[in-house]
Amino acid sequence: KDFALNVVDAIKKSHESTLSANQQSQEHVHRAFQDLRDAIKNELDK
């Protein structure tokens, strides 16, 4: 029982770590797309 609870806790921490890394990756991707849109918009403003 204690071991299972420790496993669940370790899984939770691993999942939280995965979610955090995923969120950072997604933010980076969205920023890159925003930069691309901004560059295209600047070109269109010419």
All heavy atoms as atom14 arrays in JSON, in Angstrom:
{
  "sequence": "KDFALNVVDAIKKSHESTLSANQQSQEHVHRAFQDLRDAIKNELDK",
  "atom14_mask": [
    [1, 1, 1, 1, 1, 1, 1, 1, 1, 0, 0, 0, 0, 0],
    [1, 1, 1, 1, 1, 1, 1, 1, 0, 0, 0, 0, 0, 0],
    [1, 1, 1, 1, 1, 1, 1, 1, 1, 1, 1, 0, 0, 0],
    [1, 1, 1, 1, 1, 0, 0, 0, 0, 0, 0, 0, 0, 0],
    [1, 1, 1, 1, 1, 1, 1, 1, 0, 0, 0, 0, 0, 0],
    [1, 1, 1, 1, 1, 1, 1, 1, 0, 0, 0, 0, 0, 0],
    [1, 1, 1, 1, 1, 1, 1, 0, 0, 0, 0, 0, 0, 0],
    [1, 1, 1, 1, 1, 1, 1, 0, 0, 0, 0, 0, 0, 0],
    [1, 1, 1, 1, 1, 1, 1, 1, 0, 0, 0, 0, 0, 0],
    [1, 1, 1, 1, 1, 0, 0, 0, 0, 0, 0, 0, 0, 0],
    [1, 1, 1, 1, 1, 1, 1, 1, 0, 0, 0, 0, 0, 0],
    [1, 1, 1, 1, 1, 1, 1, 1, 1, 0, 0, 0, 0, 0],
    [1, 1, 1, 1, 1, 1, 1, 1, 1, 0, 0, 0, 0, 0],
    [1, 1, 1, 1, 1, 1, 0, 0, 0, 0, 0, 0, 0, 0],
    [1, 1, 1, 1, 1, 1, 1, 1, 1, 1, 0, 0, 0, 0],
    [1, 1, 1, 1, 1, 1, 1, 1, 1, 0, 0, 0, 0, 0],
    [1, 1, 1, 1, 1, 1, 0, 0, 0, 0, 0, 0, 0, 0],
    [1, 1, 1, 1, 1, 1, 1, 0, 0, 0, 0, 0, 0, 0],
    [1, 1, 1, 1, 1, 1, 1, 1, 0, 0, 0, 0, 0, 0],
    [1, 1, 1, 1, 1, 1, 0, 0, 0, 0, 0, 0, 0, 0],
    [1, 1, 1, 1, 1, 0, 0, 0, 0, 0, 0, 0, 0, 0],
    [1, 1, 1, 1, 1, 1, 1, 1, 0, 0, 0, 0, 0, 0],
    [1, 1, 1, 1, 1, 1, 1, 1, 1, 0, 0, 0, 0, 0],
    [1, 1, 1, 1, 1, 1, 1, 1, 1, 0, 0, 0, 0, 0],
    [1, 1, 1, 1, 1, 1, 0, 0, 0, 0, 0, 0, 0, 0],
    [1, 1, 1, 1, 1, 1, 1, 1, 1, 0, 0, 0, 0, 0],
    [1, 1, 1, 1, 1, 1, 1, 1, 1, 0, 0, 0, 0, 0],
    [1, 1, 1, 1, 1, 1, 1, 1, 1, 1, 0, 0, 0, 0],
    [1, 1, 1, 1, 1, 1, 1, 0, 0, 0, 0, 0, 0, 0],
    [1, 1, 1, 1, 1, 1, 1, 1, 1, 1, 0, 0, 0, 0],
    [1, 1, 1, 1, 1, 1, 1, 1, 1, 1, 1, 0, 0, 0],
    [1, 1, 1, 1, 1, 0, 0, 0, 0, 0, 0, 0, 0, 0],
    [1, 1, 1, 1, 1, 1, 1, 1, 1, 1, 1, 0, 0, 0],
    [1, 1, 1, 1, 1, 1, 1, 1, 1, 0, 0, 0, 0, 0],
    [1, 1, 1, 1, 1, 1, 1, 1, 0, 0, 0, 0, 0, 0],
    [1, 1, 1, 1, 1, 1, 1, 1, 0, 0, 0, 0, 0, 0],
    [1, 1, 1, 1, 1, 1, 1, 1, 1, 1, 1, 0, 0, 0],
    [1, 1, 1, 1, 1, 1, 1, 1, 0, 0, 0, 0, 0, 0],
    [1, 1, 1, 1, 1, 0, 0, 0, 0, 0, 0, 0, 0, 0],
    [1, 1, 1, 1, 1, 1, 1, 1, 0, 0, 0, 0, 0, 0],
    [1, 1, 1, 1, 1, 1, 1, 1, 1, 0, 0, 0, 0, 0],
    [1, 1, 1, 1, 1, 1, 1, 1, 0, 0, 0, 0, 0, 0],
    [1, 1, 1, 1, 1, 1, 1, 1, 1, 0, 0, 0, 0, 0],
    [1, 1, 1, 1, 1, 1, 1, 1, 0, 0, 0, 0, 0, 0],
    [1, 1, 1, 1, 1, 1, 1, 1, 0, 0, 0, 0, 0, 0],
    [1, 1, 1, 1, 1, 1, 1, 1, 1, 0, 0, 0, 0, 0]
  ],
  "atom14_positions": [
    [[0.84, -1.2, 0.0], [0.0, 0.0, 0.0], [0.87, 1.25, 0.0], [0.67, 2.16, -0.81], [-0.93, 0.01, 1.21], [-1.87, 1.2, 1.23], [-2.71, 1.2, 2.5], [-2.3, 2.39, 3.28], [-2.63, 2.48, 4.63], [0.0, 0.0, 0.0], [0.0, 0.0, 0.0], [0.0, 0.0, 0.0], [0.0, 0.0, 0.0], [0.0, 0.0, 0.0]],
    [[1.86, 1.29, 0.88], [2.77, 2.44, 0.92], [3.55, 2.56, -0.38], [3.75, 3.65, -0.9], [3.74, 2.32, 2.09], [3.02, 2.37, 3.44], [1.91, 2.95, 3.5], [3.56, 1.81, 4.4], [0.0, 0.0, 0.0], [0.0, 0.0, 0.0], [0.0, 0.0, 0.0], [0.0, 0.0, 0.0], [0.0, 0.0, 0.0], [0.0, 0.0, 0.0]],
    [[3.99, 1.41, -0.87], [4.75, 1.4, -2.12], [3.88, 1.9, -3.27], [4.31, 2.7, -4.09], [5.26, -0.01, -2.39], [6.54, -0.07, -3.15], [7.61, 0.74, -2.8], [6.7, -0.96, -4.19], [8.81, 0.68, -3.49], [7.9, -1.02, -4.88], [8.96, -0.21, -4.53], [0.0, 0.0, 0.0], [0.0, 0.0, 0.0], [0.0, 0.0, 0.0]],
    [[2.64, 1.46, -3.33], [1.72, 1.89, -4.39], [1.47, 3.39, -4.31], [1.44, 4.07, -5.34], [0.4, 1.12, -4.29], [0.0, 0.0, 0.0], [0.0, 0.0, 0.0], [0.0, 0.0, 0.0], [0.0, 0.0, 0.0], [0.0, 0.0, 0.0], [0.0, 0.0, 0.0], [0.0, 0.0, 0.0], [0.0, 0.0, 0.0], [0.0, 0.0, 0.0]],
    [[1.33, 3.9, -3.1], [1.13, 5.34, -2.95], [2.38, 6.11, -3.4], [2.28, 7.16, -4.03], [0.77, 5.68, -1.51], [-0.61, 5.2, -1.07], [-0.82, 5.49, 0.42], [-1.71, 5.84, -1.89], [0.0, 0.0, 0.0], [0.0, 0.0, 0.0], [0.0, 0.0, 0.0], [0.0, 0.0, 0.0], [0.0, 0.0, 0.0], [0.0, 0.0, 0.0]],
    [[3.56, 5.57, -3.11], [4.79, 6.19, -3.59], [4.87, 6.16, -5.11], [5.33, 7.11, -5.73], [6.03, 5.49, -2.99], [6.21, 5.82, -1.53], [5.74, 6.84, -1.04], [6.9, 4.94, -0.81], [0.0, 0.0, 0.0], [0.0, 0.0, 0.0], [0.0, 0.0, 0.0], [0.0, 0.0, 0.0], [0.0, 0.0, 0.0], [0.0, 0.0, 0.0]],
    [[4.43, 5.05, -5.69], [4.42, 4.94, -7.15], [3.48, 5.99, -7.73], [3.83, 6.69, -8.69], [4.01, 3.52, -7.59], [3.68, 3.48, -9.08], [5.11, 2.53, -7.26], [0.0, 0.0, 0.0], [0.0, 0.0, 0.0], [0.0, 0.0, 0.0], [0.0, 0.0, 0.0], [0.0, 0.0, 0.0], [0.0, 0.0, 0.0], [0.0, 0.0, 0.0]],
    [[2.3, 6.09, -7.17], [1.33, 7.08, -7.66], [1.92, 8.49, -7.54], [1.8, 9.3, -8.46], [-0.01, 6.96, -6.91], [-0.93, 8.12, -7.24], [-0.69, 5.64, -7.26], [0.0, 0.0, 0.0], [0.0, 0.0, 0.0], [0.0, 0.0, 0.0], [0.0, 0.0, 0.0], [0.0, 0.0, 0.0], [0.0, 0.0, 0.0], [0.0, 0.0, 0.0]],
    [[2.6, 8.76, -6.43], [3.24, 10.07, -6.25], [4.33, 10.29, -7.3], [4.43, 11.38, -7.88], [3.82, 10.17, -4.84], [4.35, 11.57, -4.55], [3.62, 12.55, -4.8], [5.5, 11.67, -4.08], [0.0, 0.0, 0.0], [0.0, 0.0, 0.0], [0.0, 0.0, 0.0], [0.0, 0.0, 0.0], [0.0, 0.0, 0.0], [0.0, 0.0, 0.0]],
    [[5.14, 9.28, -7.55], [6.2, 9.4, -8.56], [5.6, 9.6, -9.95], [6.11, 10.41, -10.75], [7.09, 8.15, -8.54], [0.0, 0.0, 0.0], [0.0, 0.0, 0.0], [0.0, 0.0, 0.0], [0.0, 0.0, 0.0], [0.0, 0.0, 0.0], [0.0, 0.0, 0.0], [0.0, 0.0, 0.0], [0.0, 0.0, 0.0], [0.0, 0.0, 0.0]],
    [[4.52, 8.9, -10.25], [3.85, 9.07, -11.55], [3.31, 10.48, -11.66], [3.43, 11.12, -12.7], [2.72, 8.02, -11.71], [3.32, 6.63, -11.86], [1.83, 8.35, -12.9], [2.3, 5.52, -11.74], [0.0, 0.0, 0.0], [0.0, 0.0, 0.0], [0.0, 0.0, 0.0], [0.0, 0.0, 0.0], [0.0, 0.0, 0.0], [0.0, 0.0, 0.0]],
    [[2.73, 10.97, -10.58], [2.19, 12.33, -10.58], [3.29, 13.35, -10.86], [3.13, 14.24, -11.7], [1.52, 12.63, -9.24], [0.98, 14.03, -9.12], [0.42, 14.28, -7.73], [0.08, 15.75, -7.57], [-0.05, 16.15, -6.2], [0.0, 0.0, 0.0], [0.0, 0.0, 0.0], [0.0, 0.0, 0.0], [0.0, 0.0, 0.0], [0.0, 0.0, 0.0]],
    [[4.43, 13.19, -10.19], [5.55, 14.11, -10.4], [6.07, 14.02, -11.82], [6.38, 15.04, -12.44], [6.67, 13.82, -9.4], [6.33, 14.26, -7.98], [7.42, 13.91, -7.01], [6.99, 14.3, -5.59], [7.93, 13.82, -4.59], [0.0, 0.0, 0.0], [0.0, 0.0, 0.0], [0.0, 0.0, 0.0], [0.0, 0.0, 0.0], [0.0, 0.0, 0.0]],
    [[6.16, 12.81, -12.34], [6.62, 12.63, -13.72], [5.65, 13.28, -14.69], [6.06, 13.94, -15.65], [6.75, 11.13, -14.02], [7.06, 10.92, -15.36], [0.0, 0.0, 0.0], [0.0, 0.0, 0.0], [0.0, 0.0, 0.0], [0.0, 0.0, 0.0], [0.0, 0.0, 0.0], [0.0, 0.0, 0.0], [0.0, 0.0, 0.0], [0.0, 0.0, 0.0]],
    [[4.37, 13.1, -14.45], [3.34, 13.7, -15.31], [3.42, 15.22, -15.24], [3.35, 15.89, -16.28], [1.96, 13.2, -14.88], [0.84, 13.69, -15.74], [0.71, 13.35, -17.06], [-0.19, 14.52, -15.47], [-0.36, 13.94, -17.57], [-0.92, 14.65, -16.62], [0.0, 0.0, 0.0], [0.0, 0.0, 0.0], [0.0, 0.0, 0.0], [0.0, 0.0, 0.0]],
    [[3.57, 15.75, -14.03], [3.68, 17.21, -13.89], [4.92, 17.74, -14.62], [4.86, 18.79, -15.26], [3.73, 17.59, -12.41], [2.39, 17.43, -11.71], [2.47, 17.57, -10.19], [3.61, 17.68, -9.64], [1.41, 17.57, -9.55], [0.0, 0.0, 0.0], [0.0, 0.0, 0.0], [0.0, 0.0, 0.0], [0.0, 0.0, 0.0], [0.0, 0.0, 0.0]],
    [[6.01, 17.0, -14.55], [7.23, 17.4, -15.25], [7.01, 17.38, -16.76], [7.43, 18.3, -17.47], [8.37, 16.44, -14.86], [9.5, 16.71, -15.62], [0.0, 0.0, 0.0], [0.0, 0.0, 0.0], [0.0, 0.0, 0.0], [0.0, 0.0, 0.0], [0.0, 0.0, 0.0], [0.0, 0.0, 0.0], [0.0, 0.0, 0.0], [0.0, 0.0, 0.0]],
    [[6.34, 16.34, -17.24], [6.03, 16.25, -18.67], [5.15, 17.42, -19.1], [5.39, 18.03, -20.14], [5.32, 14.92, -18.99], [6.2, 13.85, -18.65], [4.94, 14.81, -20.45], [0.0, 0.0, 0.0], [0.0, 0.0, 0.0], [0.0, 0.0, 0.0], [0.0, 0.0, 0.0], [0.0, 0.0, 0.0], [0.0, 0.0, 0.0], [0.0, 0.0, 0.0]],
    [[4.14, 17.72, -18.29], [3.24, 18.82, -18.63], [3.97, 20.15, -18.64], [3.75, 20.99, -19.52], [2.07, 18.88, -17.65], [1.06, 17.74, -17.73], [-0.03, 17.93, -16.67], [0.45, 17.63, -19.1], [0.0, 0.0, 0.0], [0.0, 0.0, 0.0], [0.0, 0.0, 0.0], [0.0, 0.0, 0.0], [0.0, 0.0, 0.0], [0.0, 0.0, 0.0]],
    [[4.87, 20.34, -17.68], [5.63, 21.59, -17.62], [6.52, 21.74, -18.84], [6.57, 22.81, -19.46], [6.47, 21.62, -16.33], [7.27, 22.77, -16.31], [0.0, 0.0, 0.0], [0.0, 0.0, 0.0], [0.0, 0.0, 0.0], [0.0, 0.0, 0.0], [0.0, 0.0, 0.0], [0.0, 0.0, 0.0], [0.0, 0.0, 0.0], [0.0, 0.0, 0.0]],
    [[7.24, 20.67, -19.18], [8.12, 20.72, -20.37], [7.28, 20.94, -21.62], [7.68, 21.7, -22.51], [8.92, 19.42, -20.47], [0.0, 0.0, 0.0], [0.0, 0.0, 0.0], [0.0, 0.0, 0.0], [0.0, 0.0, 0.0], [0.0, 0.0, 0.0], [0.0, 0.0, 0.0], [0.0, 0.0, 0.0], [0.0, 0.0, 0.0], [0.0, 0.0, 0.0]],
    [[6.12, 20.29, -21.7], [5.24, 20.46, -22.84], [4.75, 21.9, -22.94], [4.73, 22.48, -24.03], [4.05, 19.5, -22.74], [3.12, 19.65, -23.91], [3.47, 19.37, -25.04], [1.91, 20.13, -23.64], [0.0, 0.0, 0.0], [0.0, 0.0, 0.0], [0.0, 0.0, 0.0], [0.0, 0.0, 0.0], [0.0, 0.0, 0.0], [0.0, 0.0, 0.0]],
    [[4.39, 22.48, -21.81], [3.91, 23.86, -21.82], [5.0, 24.82, -22.31], [4.73, 25.69, -23.13], [3.44, 24.28, -20.42], [2.9, 25.7, -20.39], [2.38, 26.1, -19.02], [2.34, 25.3, -18.1], [1.98, 27.34, -18.9], [0.0, 0.0, 0.0], [0.0, 0.0, 0.0], [0.0, 0.0, 0.0], [0.0, 0.0, 0.0], [0.0, 0.0, 0.0]],
    [[6.21, 24.62, -21.83], [7.32, 25.48, -22.27], [7.55, 25.32, -23.76], [7.77, 26.31, -24.47], [8.59, 25.13, -21.49], [8.53, 25.53, -20.04], [9.73, 25.03, -19.26], [10.65, 24.45, -19.81], [9.69, 25.24, -17.95], [0.0, 0.0, 0.0], [0.0, 0.0, 0.0], [0.0, 0.0, 0.0], [0.0, 0.0, 0.0], [0.0, 0.0, 0.0]],
    [[7.49, 24.1, -24.24], [7.68, 23.84, -25.67], [6.57, 24.51, -26.47], [6.83, 25.14, -27.51], [7.68, 22.33, -25.92], [7.73, 22.06, -27.3], [0.0, 0.0, 0.0], [0.0, 0.0, 0.0], [0.0, 0.0, 0.0], [0.0, 0.0, 0.0], [0.0, 0.0, 0.0], [0.0, 0.0, 0.0], [0.0, 0.0, 0.0], [0.0, 0.0, 0.0]],
    [[5.34, 24.38, -26.01], [4.21, 24.99, -26.71], [4.34, 26.51, -26.74], [4.07, 27.14, -27.76], [2.88, 24.59, -26.05], [2.46, 23.17, -26.37], [2.2, 22.99, -27.85], [1.37, 23.67, -28.45], [2.93, 22.08, -28.46], [0.0, 0.0, 0.0], [0.0, 0.0, 0.0], [0.0, 0.0, 0.0], [0.0, 0.0, 0.0], [0.0, 0.0, 0.0]],
    [[4.75, 27.09, -25.62], [4.93, 28.55, -25.59], [5.99, 28.99, -26.59], [5.83, 29.99, -27.28], [5.29, 29.0, -24.16], [4.13, 28.91, -23.2], [4.52, 29.14, -21.75], [5.72, 29.4, -21.47], [3.63, 29.04, -20.88], [0.0, 0.0, 0.0], [0.0, 0.0, 0.0], [0.0, 0.0, 0.0], [0.0, 0.0, 0.0], [0.0, 0.0, 0.0]],
    [[7.06, 28.21, -26.68], [8.13, 28.53, -27.62], [7.6, 28.46, -29.07], [7.88, 29.35, -29.88], [9.3, 27.56, -27.43], [10.42, 27.76, -28.38], [11.31, 28.81, -28.28], [10.8, 27.06, -29.49], [12.17, 28.75, -29.27], [11.89, 27.7, -30.01], [0.0, 0.0, 0.0], [0.0, 0.0, 0.0], [0.0, 0.0, 0.0], [0.0, 0.0, 0.0]],
    [[6.85, 27.43, -29.36], [6.28, 27.27, -30.71], [5.33, 28.43, -31.02], [5.4, 29.03, -32.11], [5.55, 25.9, -30.84], [4.69, 25.85, -32.09], [6.56, 24.77, -30.84], [0.0, 0.0, 0.0], [0.0, 0.0, 0.0], [0.0, 0.0, 0.0], [0.0, 0.0, 0.0], [0.0, 0.0, 0.0], [0.0, 0.0, 0.0], [0.0, 0.0, 0.0]],
    [[4.46, 28.76, -30.09], [3.51, 29.84, -30.33], [4.23, 31.19, -30.5], [3.82, 32.0, -31.33], [2.46, 29.91, -29.21], [1.49, 28.77, -29.25], [0.65, 28.54, -30.32], [1.24, 27.78, -28.36], [-0.09, 27.46, -30.08], [0.27, 26.98, -28.89], [0.0, 0.0, 0.0], [0.0, 0.0, 0.0], [0.0, 0.0, 0.0], [0.0, 0.0, 0.0]],
    [[5.29, 31.42, -29.71], [6.07, 32.65, -29.89], [6.71, 32.69, -31.27], [6.73, 33.74, -31.93], [7.17, 32.76, -28.81], [6.71, 33.47, -27.56], [7.88, 33.86, -26.65], [8.83, 32.78, -26.4], [8.72, 31.88, -25.43], [7.7, 31.92, -24.6], [9.64, 30.96, -25.27], [0.0, 0.0, 0.0], [0.0, 0.0, 0.0], [0.0, 0.0, 0.0]],
    [[7.25, 31.55, -31.72], [7.88, 31.49, -33.04], [6.85, 31.79, -34.15], [7.14, 32.55, -35.09], [8.52, 30.13, -33.27], [0.0, 0.0, 0.0], [0.0, 0.0, 0.0], [0.0, 0.0, 0.0], [0.0, 0.0, 0.0], [0.0, 0.0, 0.0], [0.0, 0.0, 0.0], [0.0, 0.0, 0.0], [0.0, 0.0, 0.0], [0.0, 0.0, 0.0]],
    [[5.66, 31.22, -34.01], [4.61, 31.51, -35.0], [4.2, 32.98, -34.94], [3.94, 33.6, -35.97], [3.39, 30.6, -34.8], [3.52, 29.27, -35.5], [3.67, 28.1, -34.79], [3.46, 29.18, -36.88], [3.79, 26.88, -35.41], [3.57, 27.97, -37.53], [3.74, 26.81, -36.8], [0.0, 0.0, 0.0], [0.0, 0.0, 0.0], [0.0, 0.0, 0.0]],
    [[4.13, 33.54, -33.73], [3.78, 34.95, -33.6], [4.85, 35.83, -34.24], [4.53, 36.79, -34.93], [3.59, 35.35, -32.12], [3.1, 36.78, -31.94], [1.76, 37.03, -32.61], [0.8, 36.29, -32.42], [1.69, 38.08, -33.43], [0.0, 0.0, 0.0], [0.0, 0.0, 0.0], [0.0, 0.0, 0.0], [0.0, 0.0, 0.0], [0.0, 0.0, 0.0]],
    [[6.11, 35.48, -34.04], [7.2, 36.22, -34.68], [7.08, 36.16, -36.2], [7.29, 37.17, -36.89], [8.57, 35.67, -34.24], [8.88, 35.97, -32.78], [8.18, 36.8, -32.16], [9.84, 35.34, -32.26], [0.0, 0.0, 0.0], [0.0, 0.0, 0.0], [0.0, 0.0, 0.0], [0.0, 0.0, 0.0], [0.0, 0.0, 0.0], [0.0, 0.0, 0.0]],
    [[6.74, 34.98, -36.71], [6.56, 34.83, -38.15], [5.41, 35.71, -38.65], [5.54, 36.42, -39.66], [6.31, 33.36, -38.51], [5.99, 33.06, -39.97], [7.16, 33.45, -40.87], [5.64, 31.59, -40.14], [0.0, 0.0, 0.0], [0.0, 0.0, 0.0], [0.0, 0.0, 0.0], [0.0, 0.0, 0.0], [0.0, 0.0, 0.0], [0.0, 0.0, 0.0]],
    [[4.29, 35.69, -37.94], [3.15, 36.53, -38.35], [3.51, 38.01, -38.29], [3.14, 38.79, -39.18], [1.93, 36.23, -37.47], [1.27, 34.89, -37.79], [-0.07, 34.74, -37.09], [0.04, 34.81, -35.64], [0.25, 33.77, -34.85], [0.4, 32.56, -35.35], [0.32, 33.93, -33.54], [0.0, 0.0, 0.0], [0.0, 0.0, 0.0], [0.0, 0.0, 0.0]],
    [[4.25, 38.4, -37.24], [4.67, 39.81, -37.13], [5.57, 40.2, -38.3], [5.43, 41.29, -38.86], [5.41, 40.05, -35.8], [4.49, 39.97, -34.59], [3.25, 40.03, -34.77], [5.03, 39.84, -33.46], [0.0, 0.0, 0.0], [0.0, 0.0, 0.0], [0.0, 0.0, 0.0], [0.0, 0.0, 0.0], [0.0, 0.0, 0.0], [0.0, 0.0, 0.0]],
    [[6.5, 39.31, -38.67], [7.4, 39.61, -39.8], [6.6, 39.73, -41.09], [6.85, 40.65, -41.9], [8.46, 38.52, -39.92], [0.0, 0.0, 0.0], [0.0, 0.0, 0.0], [0.0, 0.0, 0.0], [0.0, 0.0, 0.0], [0.0, 0.0, 0.0], [0.0, 0.0, 0.0], [0.0, 0.0, 0.0], [0.0, 0.0, 0.0], [0.0, 0.0, 0.0]],
    [[5.64, 38.84, -41.29], [4.82, 38.91, -42.5], [3.99, 40.19, -42.49], [3.87, 40.88, -43.51], [3.92, 37.65, -42.63], [4.79, 36.42, -42.89], [2.89, 37.83, -43.74], [4.03, 35.1, -42.82], [0.0, 0.0, 0.0], [0.0, 0.0, 0.0], [0.0, 0.0, 0.0], [0.0, 0.0, 0.0], [0.0, 0.0, 0.0], [0.0, 0.0, 0.0]],
    [[3.43, 40.54, -41.32], [2.64, 41.77, -41.21], [3.5, 43.0, -41.54], [3.06, 43.9, -42.25], [2.05, 41.91, -39.81], [1.13, 43.09, -39.64], [0.59, 43.14, -38.21], [-0.29, 44.33, -37.97], [0.31, 45.62, -38.23], [0.0, 0.0, 0.0], [0.0, 0.0, 0.0], [0.0, 0.0, 0.0], [0.0, 0.0, 0.0], [0.0, 0.0, 0.0]],
    [[4.73, 43.01, -41.03], [5.63, 44.13, -41.34], [5.89, 44.23, -42.84], [5.94, 45.34, -43.39], [6.96, 43.98, -40.59], [6.81, 44.25, -39.1], [5.87, 44.91, -38.67], [7.73, 43.7, -38.32], [0.0, 0.0, 0.0], [0.0, 0.0, 0.0], [0.0, 0.0, 0.0], [0.0, 0.0, 0.0], [0.0, 0.0, 0.0], [0.0, 0.0, 0.0]],
    [[6.04, 43.11, -43.49], [6.23, 43.13, -44.94], [4.98, 43.65, -45.64], [5.07, 44.41, -46.61], [6.59, 41.73, -45.45], [8.0, 41.3, -45.12], [9.06, 42.19, -45.77], [8.97, 42.45, -46.99], [9.96, 42.62, -45.03], [0.0, 0.0, 0.0], [0.0, 0.0, 0.0], [0.0, 0.0, 0.0], [0.0, 0.0, 0.0], [0.0, 0.0, 0.0]],
    [[3.81, 43.22, -45.14], [2.55, 43.66, -45.75], [2.34, 45.16, -45.58], [1.69, 45.8, -46.4], [1.36, 42.9, -45.16], [1.18, 41.45, -45.63], [0.13, 40.75, -44.78], [0.8, 41.4, -47.1], [0.0, 0.0, 0.0], [0.0, 0.0, 0.0], [0.0, 0.0, 0.0], [0.0, 0.0, 0.0], [0.0, 0.0, 0.0], [0.0, 0.0, 0.0]],
    [[2.88, 45.72, -44.49], [2.72, 47.15, -44.23], [3.55, 48.02, -45.19], [3.32, 49.22, -45.28], [3.11, 47.48, -42.78], [2.05, 47.0, -41.79], [0.92, 46.73, -42.22], [2.39, 46.89, -40.58], [0.0, 0.0, 0.0], [0.0, 0.0, 0.0], [0.0, 0.0, 0.0], [0.0, 0.0, 0.0], [0.0, 0.0, 0.0], [0.0, 0.0, 0.0]],
    [[4.48, 47.4, -45.89], [5.28, 48.16, -46.85], [4.39, 48.53, -48.03], [3.61, 47.72, -48.52], [6.48, 47.33, -47.33], [7.5, 47.09, -46.23], [8.67, 46.3, -46.78], [9.69, 46.09, -45.68], [10.81, 45.26, -46.14], [0.0, 0.0, 0.0], [0.0, 0.0, 0.0], [0.0, 0.0, 0.0], [0.0, 0.0, 0.0], [0.0, 0.0, 0.0]]
  ]
}
